[in-house]
N, C-alpha and C. Protein backbone atom coordinates (compact mmCIF):
# COMPACT_ATOMS: atom_id res chain seq x y z
N MET A 1 25.03 -6.63 33.15
CA MET A 1 23.61 -6.60 33.63
C MET A 1 22.86 -6.10 32.36
N SER A 2 24.11 -4.75 32.90
CA SER A 2 23.37 -3.44 32.22
C SER A 2 23.43 -3.06 31.18
N LYS A 3 24.37 -4.11 30.04
CA LYS A 3 24.46 -3.98 28.52
C LYS A 3 23.25 -5.21 27.98
N ASN A 4 22.90 -5.86 28.39
CA ASN A 4 21.98 -6.09 28.42
C ASN A 4 20.27 -5.43 28.37
N LYS A 5 20.69 -4.43 29.25
CA LYS A 5 18.91 -3.63 29.64
C LYS A 5 19.24 -2.82 28.52
N LYS A 6 20.86 -2.17 28.21
CA LYS A 6 20.54 -0.99 27.11
C LYS A 6 20.03 -1.87 25.81
N THR A 7 20.57 -2.46 25.57
CA THR A 7 20.90 -3.30 24.07
C THR A 7 18.97 -3.76 24.15
N SER A 8 18.22 -4.35 25.34
CA SER A 8 16.75 -4.68 25.47
C SER A 8 16.05 -2.84 24.94
N SER A 9 16.56 -2.09 25.92
CA SER A 9 15.98 -0.77 26.05
C SER A 9 16.56 0.35 24.56
N ASN A 10 16.81 -0.15 23.56
CA ASN A 10 17.20 0.69 22.62
C ASN A 10 16.97 -0.59 21.49
N GLU A 11 16.60 -2.09 21.38
CA GLU A 11 15.42 -2.87 20.83
C GLU A 11 14.39 -1.92 20.84
N THR A 12 13.84 -1.73 21.92
CA THR A 12 12.04 -1.67 22.51
C THR A 12 12.13 -0.28 21.05
N ARG A 13 13.08 0.71 21.44
CA ARG A 13 12.82 2.75 20.96
C ARG A 13 13.26 1.69 19.50
N ARG A 14 13.24 0.57 19.47
CA ARG A 14 13.60 0.89 17.64
C ARG A 14 12.81 0.39 17.00
N LYS A 15 12.03 -0.99 17.92
CA LYS A 15 10.42 -0.98 17.67
C LYS A 15 9.48 0.21 17.80
N PHE A 16 9.55 0.52 18.86
CA PHE A 16 8.72 1.48 18.49
C PHE A 16 8.56 2.49 17.18
N SER A 17 9.91 2.93 17.54
CA SER A 17 9.47 4.46 15.93
C SER A 17 9.25 3.25 14.81
N ILE A 18 9.81 2.15 14.33
CA ILE A 18 8.94 1.67 13.43
C ILE A 18 7.92 1.63 13.14
N MET A 19 7.16 1.25 13.90
CA MET A 19 5.39 0.92 14.47
C MET A 19 4.92 2.75 14.04
N PHE A 20 5.09 2.98 14.92
CA PHE A 20 5.26 4.93 15.22
C PHE A 20 4.68 5.09 13.37
N PHE A 21 6.32 5.05 12.45
CA PHE A 21 6.20 5.89 11.36
C PHE A 21 4.88 4.67 10.71
N ILE A 22 5.01 3.38 10.76
CA ILE A 22 3.74 2.95 9.85
C ILE A 22 2.72 2.98 10.83
N VAL A 23 2.52 3.80 11.44
CA VAL A 23 0.83 3.68 11.85
C VAL A 23 0.37 5.49 11.09
N LEU A 24 1.71 6.26 11.74
CA LEU A 24 1.39 7.37 10.80
C LEU A 24 1.78 7.49 9.28
N ILE A 25 2.20 6.55 8.37
CA ILE A 25 1.98 6.29 7.14
C ILE A 25 0.27 5.67 7.00
N CYS A 26 -0.08 4.72 7.34
CA CYS A 26 -1.71 4.39 7.57
C CYS A 26 -2.77 5.65 7.75
N PHE A 27 -2.53 6.64 8.28
CA PHE A 27 -3.18 7.45 8.86
C PHE A 27 -3.58 8.91 7.76
N GLY A 28 -2.14 8.84 7.38
CA GLY A 28 -1.81 9.85 6.42
C GLY A 28 -2.35 8.97 4.77
N THR A 29 -2.15 8.22 4.68
CA THR A 29 -2.82 6.95 3.44
C THR A 29 -4.28 6.86 4.11
N ILE A 30 -5.21 6.84 4.60
CA ILE A 30 -6.57 7.30 5.11
C ILE A 30 -6.87 8.40 5.06
N ALA A 31 -6.30 9.64 5.03
CA ALA A 31 -6.80 11.10 5.01
C ALA A 31 -6.68 11.56 3.16
N SER A 32 -5.80 11.03 2.95
CA SER A 32 -5.51 10.84 1.44
C SER A 32 -6.79 10.97 0.77
N LEU A 33 -6.92 9.53 1.02
CA LEU A 33 -8.13 8.71 0.57
C LEU A 33 -9.36 9.36 0.87
N ILE A 34 -9.28 9.27 1.74
CA ILE A 34 -10.82 10.25 1.94
C ILE A 34 -11.10 11.93 1.32
N TYR A 35 -9.87 12.06 1.17
CA TYR A 35 -10.43 13.68 0.22
C TYR A 35 -10.16 12.92 -0.57
N LEU A 36 -9.67 12.11 -1.56
CA LEU A 36 -9.81 12.55 -2.98
C LEU A 36 -10.56 11.48 -3.61
N GLY A 37 -11.67 10.62 -2.46
CA GLY A 37 -12.56 10.11 -2.80
C GLY A 37 -13.61 11.21 -2.93
N THR A 38 -13.34 12.52 -2.17
CA THR A 38 -14.65 13.04 -2.29
C THR A 38 -13.95 14.45 -3.29
N THR A 39 -13.45 14.43 -3.62
CA THR A 39 -13.04 15.54 -4.41
C THR A 39 -13.71 15.14 -6.27
N GLY A 40 -13.78 15.73 -7.12
CA GLY A 40 -13.52 15.37 -8.60
C GLY A 40 -14.70 13.97 -8.94
N TYR A 41 -15.57 14.02 -8.40
CA TYR A 41 -16.76 13.24 -8.70
C TYR A 41 -17.15 13.72 -10.19
N GLU A 42 -17.24 14.73 -10.99
CA GLU A 42 -17.23 14.54 -11.92
C GLU A 42 -16.96 14.11 -12.95
N GLU A 43 -15.82 14.38 -13.15
CA GLU A 43 -14.28 13.82 -14.04
C GLU A 43 -14.57 12.40 -13.75
N LYS A 44 -14.68 11.96 -12.70
CA LYS A 44 -15.06 10.47 -12.71
C LYS A 44 -16.13 9.92 -13.67
N VAL A 45 -17.35 10.30 -13.53
CA VAL A 45 -18.13 10.08 -14.78
C VAL A 45 -17.88 10.11 -16.04
N GLU A 46 -16.98 11.11 -16.01
CA GLU A 46 -16.23 11.15 -17.76
C GLU A 46 -15.77 9.77 -17.91
N ALA A 47 -14.27 9.85 -16.90
CA ALA A 47 -13.69 8.68 -16.92
C ALA A 47 -14.02 7.59 -17.44
N LYS A 48 -15.34 7.25 -16.70
CA LYS A 48 -15.69 5.85 -16.59
C LYS A 48 -16.55 5.80 -18.06
N ALA A 49 -17.37 7.12 -18.11
CA ALA A 49 -18.22 6.64 -19.59
C ALA A 49 -17.55 6.49 -20.66
N TYR A 50 -15.70 7.49 -20.43
CA TYR A 50 -14.49 7.14 -21.64
C TYR A 50 -14.37 5.75 -22.20
N VAL A 51 -14.14 4.95 -20.85
CA VAL A 51 -12.70 3.17 -20.67
C VAL A 51 -14.15 2.77 -20.85
N LEU A 52 -15.35 2.91 -20.74
CA LEU A 52 -16.55 1.64 -21.28
C LEU A 52 -16.81 1.97 -22.92
N GLU A 53 -16.64 3.13 -23.38
CA GLU A 53 -16.47 3.24 -24.74
C GLU A 53 -15.59 3.16 -25.69
N ASN A 54 -13.90 3.07 -25.06
CA ASN A 54 -13.07 3.27 -25.98
C ASN A 54 -12.08 1.91 -25.34
N HIS A 55 -12.62 1.56 -23.75
CA HIS A 55 -11.48 -0.18 -24.04
C HIS A 55 -10.96 -0.92 -24.89
N THR A 56 -12.37 -1.86 -25.79
CA THR A 56 -11.85 -2.21 -26.73
C THR A 56 -11.25 -2.03 -27.56
N GLN A 57 -11.26 -0.76 -27.89
CA GLN A 57 -9.92 -0.36 -29.13
C GLN A 57 -8.50 -0.28 -28.87
N GLN A 58 -8.61 0.39 -28.10
CA GLN A 58 -8.16 0.60 -26.94
C GLN A 58 -6.60 -0.28 -26.62
N THR A 59 -7.50 -1.59 -26.07
CA THR A 59 -6.68 -2.66 -25.46
C THR A 59 -7.04 -3.72 -25.65
N SER A 60 -7.65 -3.78 -27.24
CA SER A 60 -8.33 -5.73 -27.61
C SER A 60 -8.76 -6.39 -26.40
N ALA A 61 -8.93 -6.21 -25.41
CA ALA A 61 -9.60 -6.68 -24.23
C ALA A 61 -11.25 -6.16 -24.57
N GLU A 62 -12.23 -7.39 -24.55
CA GLU A 62 -13.83 -7.14 -24.89
C GLU A 62 -13.93 -7.11 -23.31
N ASN A 63 -13.93 -7.26 -22.14
CA ASN A 63 -14.10 -7.35 -21.08
C ASN A 63 -13.45 -5.87 -20.88
N ALA A 64 -14.38 -4.80 -19.76
CA ALA A 64 -13.58 -3.65 -19.79
C ALA A 64 -13.03 -3.54 -18.30
N VAL A 65 -13.31 -4.56 -17.64
CA VAL A 65 -12.40 -4.65 -15.97
C VAL A 65 -11.50 -5.61 -16.64
N THR A 66 -10.95 -6.27 -17.26
CA THR A 66 -9.64 -6.92 -17.84
C THR A 66 -9.23 -5.85 -18.00
N ALA A 67 -9.71 -4.90 -19.42
CA ALA A 67 -8.77 -3.71 -19.69
C ALA A 67 -8.42 -3.02 -18.79
N ILE A 68 -9.21 -2.38 -17.86
CA ILE A 68 -8.49 -1.66 -16.82
C ILE A 68 -7.42 -2.15 -15.48
N TYR A 69 -7.51 -3.28 -15.50
CA TYR A 69 -6.40 -4.21 -14.42
C TYR A 69 -5.30 -4.41 -15.03
N LEU A 70 -5.76 -5.39 -16.42
CA LEU A 70 -4.66 -5.51 -16.80
C LEU A 70 -3.29 -4.90 -17.50
N ASN A 71 -4.10 -3.59 -18.35
CA ASN A 71 -3.84 -2.35 -19.41
C ASN A 71 -3.75 -1.39 -18.37
N TYR A 72 -4.66 -0.96 -18.07
CA TYR A 72 -4.75 1.12 -17.80
C TYR A 72 -3.99 0.66 -16.80
N ARG A 73 -4.13 -0.42 -15.79
CA ARG A 73 -3.12 -0.17 -14.24
C ARG A 73 -2.15 -1.10 -13.99
N MET A 74 -1.42 -1.36 -14.86
CA MET A 74 -0.39 -3.08 -14.84
C MET A 74 0.71 -2.40 -14.03
N LEU A 75 1.41 -1.02 -14.24
CA LEU A 75 2.51 -0.71 -13.41
C LEU A 75 2.07 -0.61 -12.00
N ASP A 76 0.26 -0.42 -11.68
CA ASP A 76 0.16 0.20 -10.81
C ASP A 76 0.29 -1.58 -9.60
N THR A 77 -0.55 -2.28 -10.52
CA THR A 77 -1.04 -3.60 -9.89
C THR A 77 0.63 -4.70 -9.06
N ILE A 78 1.53 -4.18 -9.98
CA ILE A 78 2.41 -4.76 -9.83
C ILE A 78 3.08 -3.58 -8.59
N PHE A 79 3.45 -2.56 -8.87
CA PHE A 79 3.41 -1.99 -7.43
C PHE A 79 2.62 -2.06 -6.29
N GLU A 80 1.40 -2.71 -6.28
CA GLU A 80 0.69 -2.81 -5.11
C GLU A 80 1.13 -4.71 -5.34
N ALA A 81 1.29 -5.45 -5.64
CA ALA A 81 1.98 -6.78 -5.20
C ALA A 81 3.52 -6.30 -4.69
N MET A 82 4.59 -5.73 -4.82
CA MET A 82 5.64 -4.88 -4.30
C MET A 82 5.24 -4.81 -3.06
N LEU A 83 4.16 -3.37 -2.76
CA LEU A 83 4.48 -3.00 -2.12
C LEU A 83 3.73 -4.18 -0.05
N LEU A 84 2.75 -4.93 -0.98
CA LEU A 84 2.15 -5.96 -0.21
C LEU A 84 3.14 -6.87 0.20
N LEU A 85 4.32 -7.20 -0.50
CA LEU A 85 4.95 -8.31 -0.32
C LEU A 85 6.30 -7.35 1.08
N LEU A 86 6.68 -6.45 0.50
CA LEU A 86 7.19 -5.57 1.24
C LEU A 86 7.07 -5.39 3.30
N SER A 87 5.26 -4.70 2.73
CA SER A 87 5.08 -5.67 4.13
C SER A 87 5.00 -6.70 4.86
N ALA A 88 4.22 -7.45 3.99
CA ALA A 88 4.52 -8.93 5.02
C ALA A 88 5.72 -8.90 5.64
N MET A 89 7.33 -8.67 4.79
CA MET A 89 8.73 -9.45 5.19
C MET A 89 8.69 -7.80 6.15
N ALA A 90 8.34 -6.45 6.71
CA ALA A 90 8.51 -5.65 7.52
C ALA A 90 7.46 -6.64 8.74
N VAL A 91 6.59 -6.72 8.83
CA VAL A 91 5.21 -8.04 9.53
C VAL A 91 6.47 -8.96 10.60
N LYS A 92 6.80 -9.86 9.50
CA LYS A 92 7.93 -10.85 10.26
C LYS A 92 8.83 -10.42 10.32
N SER A 93 9.70 -9.46 10.15
CA SER A 93 10.65 -8.80 11.05
C SER A 93 10.84 -8.43 11.80
N LEU A 94 9.83 -7.76 12.17
CA LEU A 94 9.14 -7.18 13.72
C LEU A 94 8.57 -7.81 14.52
N SER A 95 7.92 -9.10 14.22
CA SER A 95 7.22 -10.10 14.85
C SER A 95 8.35 -11.24 15.92
N TRP A 96 9.47 -11.45 14.75
CA TRP A 96 9.90 -12.14 15.69
C TRP A 96 10.65 -12.15 17.03
N SER A 97 10.73 -12.90 17.80
CA SER A 97 10.73 -13.26 19.41
C SER A 97 12.82 -13.23 19.52
N ASN A 98 13.33 -12.66 20.40
CA ASN A 98 14.92 -12.86 20.80
C ASN A 98 14.83 -13.94 21.56
N ASP A 99 14.99 -15.62 21.26
CA ASP A 99 15.59 -16.35 21.55
C ASP A 99 16.34 -16.90 22.34
N ASP A 100 17.07 -15.93 21.93
CA ASP A 100 18.85 -16.81 22.53
C ASP A 100 19.78 -15.73 24.26
N GLU A 101 18.30 -14.65 24.39
CA GLU A 101 18.51 -14.26 25.78
C GLU A 101 17.73 -15.71 26.89
């Protein structure tokens, strides 16, 4: 009986630590996005004008949104999809119930 309680306690601690780190990463991400979103506005305006003027010559895409999404930020898009898949796998593994007991 005490072995089952110890196993249950260890499993609960493991789940709590994983959830704690996920929440910590989320808060860190939100804080960094807030900081980065409030700094460097002038450079963003210049970058927007540059992309709108030069996207057709650099990427051969007629639409600026397509040029940004598929050419300028292709690797970013791929890694976002991988991160989404990893997050879904983590949520699924943490939400499994132990039906063996």
